[in-house]
């Protein structure tokens, strides 16, 4: 049986990171985790592009534009949506997730959804760098592995 796997190296990978300004207390920690992961895995900071948008809802449009440029091997979406008293957060989370998946499939490159969907502040804190890890770091890992798998197919 032939197995196709991806190495976890950022060397030569061009990655765009789209991050929401909303809930910046959390999203800035996600950005730090993403950058740290990229550099620790051999990536050149010059191959990492950070794009800021107002909120999670704006991430898919910008991600789509980045994909069609052909300048990136992958796009990483970072944001934090915290559930409130209304179902608005659920709507945003579902809409963004569907859109990012569609953009990835149509664009032919990984568009990694690392938008944290938290029920409360504690969960957001946990996913932005405390006991549950950092979803920015995790997103870069997923991007690197998927890029490598696609290159090996």
N, C-alpha and C. Protein backbone atom coordinates (compact mmCIF):
# COMPACT_ATOMS: atom_id res chain seq x y z
N UNK A 1 0.84 -1.17 0.00
CA UNK A 1 0.00 0.00 0.00
C UNK A 1 0.89 1.24 0.00
N UNK A 2 0.58 2.16 -0.88
CA UNK A 2 1.30 3.43 -0.92
C UNK A 2 0.62 4.42 0.00
N UNK A 3 1.41 5.10 0.80
CA UNK A 3 0.85 6.08 1.73
C UNK A 3 1.42 7.46 1.40
N UNK A 4 0.55 8.44 1.35
CA UNK A 4 0.97 9.82 1.10
C UNK A 4 0.81 10.59 2.40
N UNK A 5 1.91 11.17 2.85
CA UNK A 5 1.90 11.95 4.08
C UNK A 5 2.57 13.29 3.82
N UNK A 6 2.39 14.19 4.77
CA UNK A 6 3.00 15.51 4.65
C UNK A 6 3.97 15.78 5.78
N UNK A 7 5.12 16.30 5.43
CA UNK A 7 6.09 16.71 6.44
C UNK A 7 5.66 18.04 7.03
N UNK A 8 5.99 18.26 8.27
CA UNK A 8 5.61 19.50 8.95
C UNK A 8 6.76 20.49 8.87
N UNK A 9 6.96 21.03 7.68
CA UNK A 9 7.97 22.05 7.50
C UNK A 9 7.36 23.27 6.82
N UNK A 10 7.76 24.43 7.28
CA UNK A 10 7.26 25.68 6.70
C UNK A 10 8.26 26.26 5.71
N UNK A 11 9.39 25.61 5.54
CA UNK A 11 10.41 26.13 4.64
C UNK A 11 9.85 26.25 3.22
N UNK A 12 9.88 27.46 2.69
CA UNK A 12 9.40 27.71 1.35
C UNK A 12 7.90 27.88 1.22
N UNK A 13 7.16 27.70 2.30
CA UNK A 13 5.70 27.84 2.27
C UNK A 13 5.32 29.31 2.41
N UNK A 14 4.41 29.74 1.56
CA UNK A 14 3.88 31.10 1.65
C UNK A 14 2.48 31.00 2.25
N UNK A 15 2.31 31.63 3.41
CA UNK A 15 1.07 31.52 4.17
C UNK A 15 0.48 32.89 4.42
N UNK A 16 -0.80 33.04 4.13
CA UNK A 16 -1.54 34.26 4.46
C UNK A 16 -2.41 33.95 5.67
N UNK A 17 -2.42 34.88 6.62
CA UNK A 17 -3.23 34.75 7.82
C UNK A 17 -4.22 35.91 7.85
N UNK A 18 -5.51 35.57 7.85
CA UNK A 18 -6.55 36.59 7.94
C UNK A 18 -7.09 36.54 9.36
N UNK A 19 -7.01 37.68 10.05
CA UNK A 19 -7.40 37.70 11.47
C UNK A 19 -8.43 38.80 11.72
N UNK A 20 -9.40 38.46 12.53
CA UNK A 20 -10.44 39.38 12.95
C UNK A 20 -9.93 40.31 14.04
N UNK A 21 -10.26 41.60 13.92
CA UNK A 21 -9.93 42.55 14.99
C UNK A 21 -10.89 42.39 16.18
N UNK A 22 -12.09 41.91 15.91
CA UNK A 22 -13.08 41.74 16.97
C UNK A 22 -12.57 40.70 17.95
N UNK A 23 -12.71 40.96 19.23
CA UNK A 23 -12.16 40.11 20.30
C UNK A 23 -10.64 40.04 20.19
N UNK A 24 -10.02 41.19 19.93
CA UNK A 24 -8.57 41.25 19.70
C UNK A 24 -7.75 40.77 20.90
N UNK A 25 -8.30 40.84 22.09
CA UNK A 25 -7.60 40.31 23.26
C UNK A 25 -7.23 38.84 23.01
N UNK A 26 -8.12 38.12 22.35
CA UNK A 26 -7.89 36.71 22.06
C UNK A 26 -7.19 36.51 20.72
N UNK A 27 -7.63 37.25 19.71
CA UNK A 27 -7.09 37.01 18.37
C UNK A 27 -5.60 37.34 18.27
N UNK A 28 -5.15 38.31 19.05
CA UNK A 28 -3.71 38.62 19.03
C UNK A 28 -2.89 37.46 19.57
N UNK A 29 -3.43 36.72 20.51
CA UNK A 29 -2.74 35.53 21.01
C UNK A 29 -2.71 34.44 19.94
N UNK A 30 -3.78 34.34 19.16
CA UNK A 30 -3.81 33.37 18.07
C UNK A 30 -2.75 33.72 17.02
N UNK A 31 -2.62 35.00 16.72
CA UNK A 31 -1.61 35.45 15.75
C UNK A 31 -0.21 35.11 16.26
N UNK A 32 0.04 35.37 17.52
CA UNK A 32 1.36 35.04 18.10
C UNK A 32 1.65 33.55 17.99
N UNK A 33 0.65 32.73 18.29
CA UNK A 33 0.82 31.28 18.18
C UNK A 33 1.09 30.85 16.75
N UNK A 34 0.37 31.45 15.79
CA UNK A 34 0.56 31.10 14.38
C UNK A 34 1.95 31.48 13.91
N UNK A 35 2.39 32.68 14.24
CA UNK A 35 3.72 33.12 13.82
C UNK A 35 4.81 32.27 14.45
N UNK A 36 4.68 31.97 15.72
CA UNK A 36 5.65 31.15 16.42
C UNK A 36 5.76 29.77 15.78
N UNK A 37 4.64 29.17 15.48
CA UNK A 37 4.63 27.84 14.86
C UNK A 37 5.30 27.88 13.49
N UNK A 38 4.96 28.88 12.69
CA UNK A 38 5.49 28.99 11.34
C UNK A 38 7.02 29.10 11.37
N UNK A 39 7.53 29.97 12.21
CA UNK A 39 8.97 30.20 12.29
C UNK A 39 9.68 28.98 12.89
N UNK A 40 9.10 28.38 13.92
CA UNK A 40 9.73 27.20 14.55
C UNK A 40 9.80 26.01 13.61
N UNK A 41 8.93 26.00 12.62
CA UNK A 41 8.95 24.90 11.65
C UNK A 41 9.71 25.26 10.38
N UNK A 42 10.61 26.24 10.49
CA UNK A 42 11.52 26.55 9.40
C UNK A 42 11.04 27.61 8.43
N UNK A 43 9.91 28.22 8.71
CA UNK A 43 9.39 29.24 7.80
C UNK A 43 10.12 30.56 7.94
N UNK A 44 10.17 31.28 6.85
CA UNK A 44 10.76 32.62 6.84
C UNK A 44 9.63 33.61 7.14
N UNK A 45 9.84 34.48 8.11
CA UNK A 45 8.81 35.46 8.49
C UNK A 45 8.37 36.29 7.29
N UNK A 46 9.23 36.45 6.30
CA UNK A 46 8.88 37.19 5.09
C UNK A 46 7.88 36.46 4.21
N UNK A 47 7.70 35.16 4.44
CA UNK A 47 6.72 34.36 3.69
C UNK A 47 5.36 34.29 4.39
N UNK A 48 5.23 35.03 5.48
CA UNK A 48 4.00 35.07 6.27
C UNK A 48 3.37 36.44 6.10
N UNK A 49 2.14 36.46 5.61
CA UNK A 49 1.41 37.72 5.39
C UNK A 49 0.22 37.77 6.33
N UNK A 50 0.11 38.87 7.08
CA UNK A 50 -0.99 39.06 8.02
C UNK A 50 -1.95 40.10 7.46
N UNK A 51 -3.22 39.74 7.41
CA UNK A 51 -4.26 40.64 6.92
C UNK A 51 -5.31 40.77 8.02
N UNK A 52 -5.61 42.00 8.41
CA UNK A 52 -6.60 42.24 9.47
C UNK A 52 -7.93 42.67 8.86
N UNK A 53 -9.00 42.13 9.43
CA UNK A 53 -10.36 42.48 9.02
C UNK A 53 -11.17 42.82 10.26
N UNK A 54 -12.31 43.50 10.10
CA UNK A 54 -13.09 43.91 11.28
C UNK A 54 -13.59 42.76 12.14
N UNK A 55 -14.18 41.75 11.53
CA UNK A 55 -14.77 40.66 12.30
C UNK A 55 -14.70 39.35 11.55
N UNK A 56 -15.17 38.30 12.18
CA UNK A 56 -15.14 36.97 11.57
C UNK A 56 -15.94 36.91 10.27
N UNK A 57 -17.01 37.65 10.20
CA UNK A 57 -17.86 37.64 9.02
C UNK A 57 -17.14 38.14 7.77
N UNK A 58 -16.11 38.96 7.95
CA UNK A 58 -15.37 39.51 6.81
C UNK A 58 -14.21 38.62 6.36
N UNK A 59 -13.90 37.61 7.14
CA UNK A 59 -12.77 36.73 6.82
C UNK A 59 -12.93 36.01 5.48
N UNK A 60 -14.09 35.40 5.17
CA UNK A 60 -14.18 34.64 3.92
C UNK A 60 -13.93 35.47 2.65
N UNK A 61 -14.44 36.67 2.57
CA UNK A 61 -14.23 37.47 1.37
C UNK A 61 -12.75 37.75 1.15
N UNK A 62 -12.07 38.13 2.23
CA UNK A 62 -10.64 38.42 2.12
C UNK A 62 -9.85 37.14 1.83
N UNK A 63 -10.22 36.05 2.47
CA UNK A 63 -9.56 34.77 2.19
C UNK A 63 -9.72 34.39 0.72
N UNK A 64 -10.90 34.59 0.19
CA UNK A 64 -11.16 34.29 -1.20
C UNK A 64 -10.28 35.11 -2.13
N UNK A 65 -10.16 36.39 -1.83
CA UNK A 65 -9.31 37.26 -2.65
C UNK A 65 -7.85 36.83 -2.58
N UNK A 66 -7.39 36.42 -1.40
CA UNK A 66 -6.01 35.95 -1.24
C UNK A 66 -5.77 34.68 -2.04
N UNK A 67 -6.73 33.78 -2.04
CA UNK A 67 -6.59 32.52 -2.78
C UNK A 67 -6.42 32.80 -4.27
N UNK A 68 -7.25 33.66 -4.83
CA UNK A 68 -7.22 33.88 -6.28
C UNK A 68 -5.97 34.61 -6.75
N UNK A 69 -5.22 35.24 -5.84
CA UNK A 69 -3.98 35.89 -6.26
C UNK A 69 -2.96 34.88 -6.73
N UNK A 70 -3.03 33.65 -6.20
CA UNK A 70 -2.04 32.64 -6.54
C UNK A 70 -0.71 32.84 -5.84
N UNK A 71 -0.65 33.77 -4.90
CA UNK A 71 0.60 34.09 -4.21
C UNK A 71 0.84 33.25 -2.96
N UNK A 72 -0.13 32.43 -2.56
CA UNK A 72 -0.02 31.72 -1.29
C UNK A 72 -0.25 30.23 -1.48
N UNK A 73 0.41 29.45 -0.62
CA UNK A 73 0.21 28.00 -0.61
C UNK A 73 -0.97 27.62 0.25
N UNK A 74 -1.29 28.48 1.22
CA UNK A 74 -2.42 28.23 2.12
C UNK A 74 -2.85 29.56 2.74
N UNK A 75 -4.09 29.55 3.23
CA UNK A 75 -4.65 30.70 3.93
C UNK A 75 -5.17 30.19 5.26
N UNK A 76 -4.87 30.93 6.32
CA UNK A 76 -5.32 30.58 7.67
C UNK A 76 -6.28 31.65 8.17
N UNK A 77 -7.45 31.25 8.63
CA UNK A 77 -8.45 32.16 9.17
C UNK A 77 -8.42 32.10 10.69
N UNK A 78 -8.24 33.27 11.32
CA UNK A 78 -8.20 33.35 12.78
C UNK A 78 -9.25 34.34 13.27
N UNK A 79 -10.00 33.92 14.26
CA UNK A 79 -11.00 34.78 14.88
C UNK A 79 -11.52 34.11 16.14
N UNK A 80 -12.29 34.86 16.90
CA UNK A 80 -12.92 34.32 18.10
C UNK A 80 -14.36 34.81 18.14
N UNK A 81 -15.27 33.86 18.14
CA UNK A 81 -16.70 34.17 18.24
C UNK A 81 -17.18 33.56 19.55
N UNK A 82 -17.71 34.43 20.42
CA UNK A 82 -18.17 33.99 21.74
C UNK A 82 -19.69 34.06 21.79
N UNK A 83 -20.30 32.96 22.19
CA UNK A 83 -21.76 32.88 22.27
C UNK A 83 -22.31 33.90 23.25
N UNK A 84 -23.34 34.59 22.84
CA UNK A 84 -24.03 35.54 23.73
C UNK A 84 -25.43 35.04 24.02
N UNK A 85 -26.32 35.95 24.30
CA UNK A 85 -27.69 35.61 24.66
C UNK A 85 -28.56 35.30 23.45
N UNK A 86 -28.07 35.63 22.25
CA UNK A 86 -28.85 35.39 21.03
C UNK A 86 -28.11 34.37 20.17
N UNK A 87 -28.77 33.83 19.15
CA UNK A 87 -28.12 32.83 18.29
C UNK A 87 -27.19 33.45 17.23
N UNK A 88 -26.89 34.73 17.34
CA UNK A 88 -26.06 35.42 16.35
C UNK A 88 -24.69 34.73 16.18
N UNK A 89 -24.05 34.33 17.25
CA UNK A 89 -22.74 33.68 17.17
C UNK A 89 -22.82 32.38 16.37
N UNK A 90 -23.86 31.60 16.59
CA UNK A 90 -24.02 30.35 15.84
C UNK A 90 -24.12 30.63 14.34
N UNK A 91 -24.87 31.65 13.99
CA UNK A 91 -25.04 32.01 12.58
C UNK A 91 -23.70 32.39 11.97
N UNK A 92 -22.93 33.21 12.66
CA UNK A 92 -21.62 33.62 12.14
C UNK A 92 -20.70 32.41 12.00
N UNK A 93 -20.62 31.58 13.02
CA UNK A 93 -19.74 30.41 12.99
C UNK A 93 -20.07 29.50 11.81
N UNK A 94 -21.35 29.21 11.61
CA UNK A 94 -21.76 28.32 10.53
C UNK A 94 -21.50 28.93 9.16
N UNK A 95 -21.81 30.20 9.02
CA UNK A 95 -21.62 30.88 7.75
C UNK A 95 -20.15 30.94 7.37
N UNK A 96 -19.32 31.31 8.31
CA UNK A 96 -17.88 31.41 8.06
C UNK A 96 -17.30 30.03 7.74
N UNK A 97 -17.67 29.02 8.49
CA UNK A 97 -17.14 27.67 8.27
C UNK A 97 -17.50 27.17 6.87
N UNK A 98 -18.74 27.34 6.48
CA UNK A 98 -19.17 26.88 5.15
C UNK A 98 -18.43 27.64 4.05
N UNK A 99 -18.33 28.94 4.22
CA UNK A 99 -17.67 29.77 3.20
C UNK A 99 -16.20 29.39 3.05
N UNK A 100 -15.50 29.21 4.15
CA UNK A 100 -14.07 28.87 4.07
C UNK A 100 -13.86 27.52 3.41
N UNK A 101 -14.71 26.57 3.71
CA UNK A 101 -14.62 25.26 3.08
C UNK A 101 -14.83 25.37 1.57
N UNK A 102 -15.81 26.13 1.19
CA UNK A 102 -16.11 26.33 -0.24
C UNK A 102 -14.95 27.02 -0.96
N UNK A 103 -14.37 28.02 -0.33
CA UNK A 103 -13.25 28.74 -0.92
C UNK A 103 -12.07 27.80 -1.13
N UNK A 104 -11.80 26.96 -0.16
CA UNK A 104 -10.70 26.01 -0.27
C UNK A 104 -10.92 25.04 -1.42
N UNK A 105 -12.12 24.48 -1.49
CA UNK A 105 -12.41 23.52 -2.55
C UNK A 105 -12.35 24.16 -3.93
N UNK A 106 -12.89 25.34 -4.08
CA UNK A 106 -12.88 26.02 -5.38
C UNK A 106 -11.48 26.53 -5.73
N UNK A 107 -10.74 26.99 -4.73
CA UNK A 107 -9.43 27.58 -4.98
C UNK A 107 -8.30 26.59 -5.11
N UNK A 108 -8.51 25.37 -4.59
CA UNK A 108 -7.50 24.32 -4.72
C UNK A 108 -6.33 24.42 -3.77
N UNK A 109 -6.44 25.28 -2.75
CA UNK A 109 -5.40 25.34 -1.72
C UNK A 109 -6.08 25.25 -0.35
N UNK A 110 -5.32 24.86 0.66
CA UNK A 110 -5.91 24.80 2.00
C UNK A 110 -6.32 26.18 2.51
N UNK A 111 -7.54 26.27 2.96
CA UNK A 111 -8.03 27.45 3.68
C UNK A 111 -8.47 26.90 5.04
N UNK A 112 -7.63 27.13 6.03
CA UNK A 112 -7.79 26.50 7.33
C UNK A 112 -8.64 27.37 8.24
N UNK A 113 -9.67 26.76 8.79
CA UNK A 113 -10.59 27.47 9.69
C UNK A 113 -10.13 27.31 11.13
N UNK A 114 -9.48 28.34 11.65
CA UNK A 114 -9.10 28.36 13.06
C UNK A 114 -9.84 29.48 13.77
N UNK A 115 -11.09 29.66 13.39
CA UNK A 115 -11.95 30.61 14.08
C UNK A 115 -12.51 29.87 15.30
N UNK A 116 -12.16 30.36 16.48
CA UNK A 116 -12.59 29.73 17.72
C UNK A 116 -14.07 30.01 17.94
N UNK A 117 -14.81 28.97 18.19
CA UNK A 117 -16.23 29.09 18.52
C UNK A 117 -16.38 28.73 20.00
N UNK A 118 -16.49 29.74 20.83
CA UNK A 118 -16.51 29.52 22.28
C UNK A 118 -17.89 29.80 22.86
N UNK A 119 -18.26 29.02 23.85
CA UNK A 119 -19.53 29.23 24.54
C UNK A 119 -19.44 30.34 25.58
N UNK A 120 -18.20 30.62 26.03
CA UNK A 120 -18.01 31.63 27.07
C UNK A 120 -16.57 32.12 27.05
N UNK A 121 -16.28 33.10 27.89
CA UNK A 121 -14.93 33.68 27.94
C UNK A 121 -13.88 32.66 28.34
N UNK A 122 -14.22 31.78 29.28
CA UNK A 122 -13.26 30.77 29.73
C UNK A 122 -12.81 29.88 28.58
N UNK A 123 -13.75 29.44 27.75
CA UNK A 123 -13.39 28.61 26.60
C UNK A 123 -12.52 29.38 25.61
N UNK A 124 -12.82 30.65 25.42
CA UNK A 124 -12.00 31.47 24.51
C UNK A 124 -10.58 31.57 25.03
N UNK A 125 -10.43 31.79 26.32
CA UNK A 125 -9.10 31.88 26.94
C UNK A 125 -8.34 30.57 26.77
N UNK A 126 -9.04 29.46 27.00
CA UNK A 126 -8.41 28.14 26.89
C UNK A 126 -7.88 27.87 25.49
N UNK A 127 -8.57 28.33 24.47
CA UNK A 127 -8.20 28.03 23.09
C UNK A 127 -7.24 29.06 22.49
N UNK A 128 -7.01 30.15 23.21
CA UNK A 128 -6.12 31.20 22.71
C UNK A 128 -4.77 31.18 23.42
N UNK A 129 -4.40 30.05 23.99
CA UNK A 129 -3.06 29.95 24.52
C UNK A 129 -2.91 29.40 25.92
N UNK A 130 -3.98 28.92 26.53
CA UNK A 130 -3.80 28.34 27.86
C UNK A 130 -3.93 26.82 27.78
N UNK A 131 -4.71 26.20 28.64
CA UNK A 131 -4.66 24.74 28.77
C UNK A 131 -5.15 23.95 27.55
N UNK A 132 -5.92 24.53 26.68
CA UNK A 132 -6.36 23.82 25.47
C UNK A 132 -5.43 24.09 24.29
N UNK A 133 -4.34 24.79 24.52
CA UNK A 133 -3.40 25.10 23.44
C UNK A 133 -3.74 26.41 22.77
N UNK A 134 -3.22 26.58 21.58
CA UNK A 134 -3.42 27.80 20.82
C UNK A 134 -3.89 27.41 19.42
N UNK A 135 -5.08 27.81 19.07
CA UNK A 135 -5.66 27.42 17.79
C UNK A 135 -4.96 28.08 16.61
N UNK A 136 -4.22 29.16 16.85
CA UNK A 136 -3.38 29.74 15.80
C UNK A 136 -2.25 28.79 15.45
N UNK A 137 -1.59 28.24 16.47
CA UNK A 137 -0.54 27.24 16.28
C UNK A 137 -1.10 26.02 15.56
N UNK A 138 -2.24 25.52 16.07
CA UNK A 138 -2.86 24.33 15.47
C UNK A 138 -3.21 24.55 14.01
N UNK A 139 -3.68 25.74 13.68
CA UNK A 139 -4.05 26.05 12.30
C UNK A 139 -2.86 26.03 11.37
N UNK A 140 -1.73 26.56 11.83
CA UNK A 140 -0.51 26.53 11.01
C UNK A 140 -0.08 25.09 10.80
N UNK A 141 -0.15 24.27 11.82
CA UNK A 141 0.21 22.86 11.68
C UNK A 141 -0.66 22.18 10.62
N UNK A 142 -1.96 22.44 10.66
CA UNK A 142 -2.88 21.85 9.68
C UNK A 142 -2.55 22.36 8.28
N UNK A 143 -2.24 23.64 8.17
CA UNK A 143 -1.91 24.22 6.86
C UNK A 143 -0.63 23.58 6.30
N UNK A 144 0.40 23.48 7.13
CA UNK A 144 1.67 22.92 6.66
C UNK A 144 1.53 21.48 6.21
N UNK A 145 0.84 20.69 7.01
CA UNK A 145 0.67 19.28 6.65
C UNK A 145 -0.15 19.13 5.37
N UNK A 146 -1.21 19.91 5.25
CA UNK A 146 -2.06 19.80 4.05
C UNK A 146 -1.32 20.27 2.81
N UNK A 147 -0.56 21.35 2.91
CA UNK A 147 0.24 21.81 1.78
C UNK A 147 1.19 20.70 1.34
N UNK A 148 1.87 20.07 2.29
CA UNK A 148 2.82 19.00 1.97
C UNK A 148 2.13 17.79 1.36
N UNK A 149 0.97 17.43 1.88
CA UNK A 149 0.23 16.30 1.31
C UNK A 149 -0.13 16.60 -0.14
N UNK A 150 -0.64 17.79 -0.39
CA UNK A 150 -1.02 18.15 -1.77
C UNK A 150 0.20 18.14 -2.70
N UNK A 151 1.34 18.55 -2.19
CA UNK A 151 2.56 18.54 -3.02
C UNK A 151 3.02 17.11 -3.30
N UNK A 152 2.68 16.19 -2.41
CA UNK A 152 3.10 14.79 -2.59
C UNK A 152 2.13 13.93 -3.37
N UNK A 153 0.99 14.49 -3.71
CA UNK A 153 0.01 13.71 -4.49
C UNK A 153 0.41 13.71 -5.97
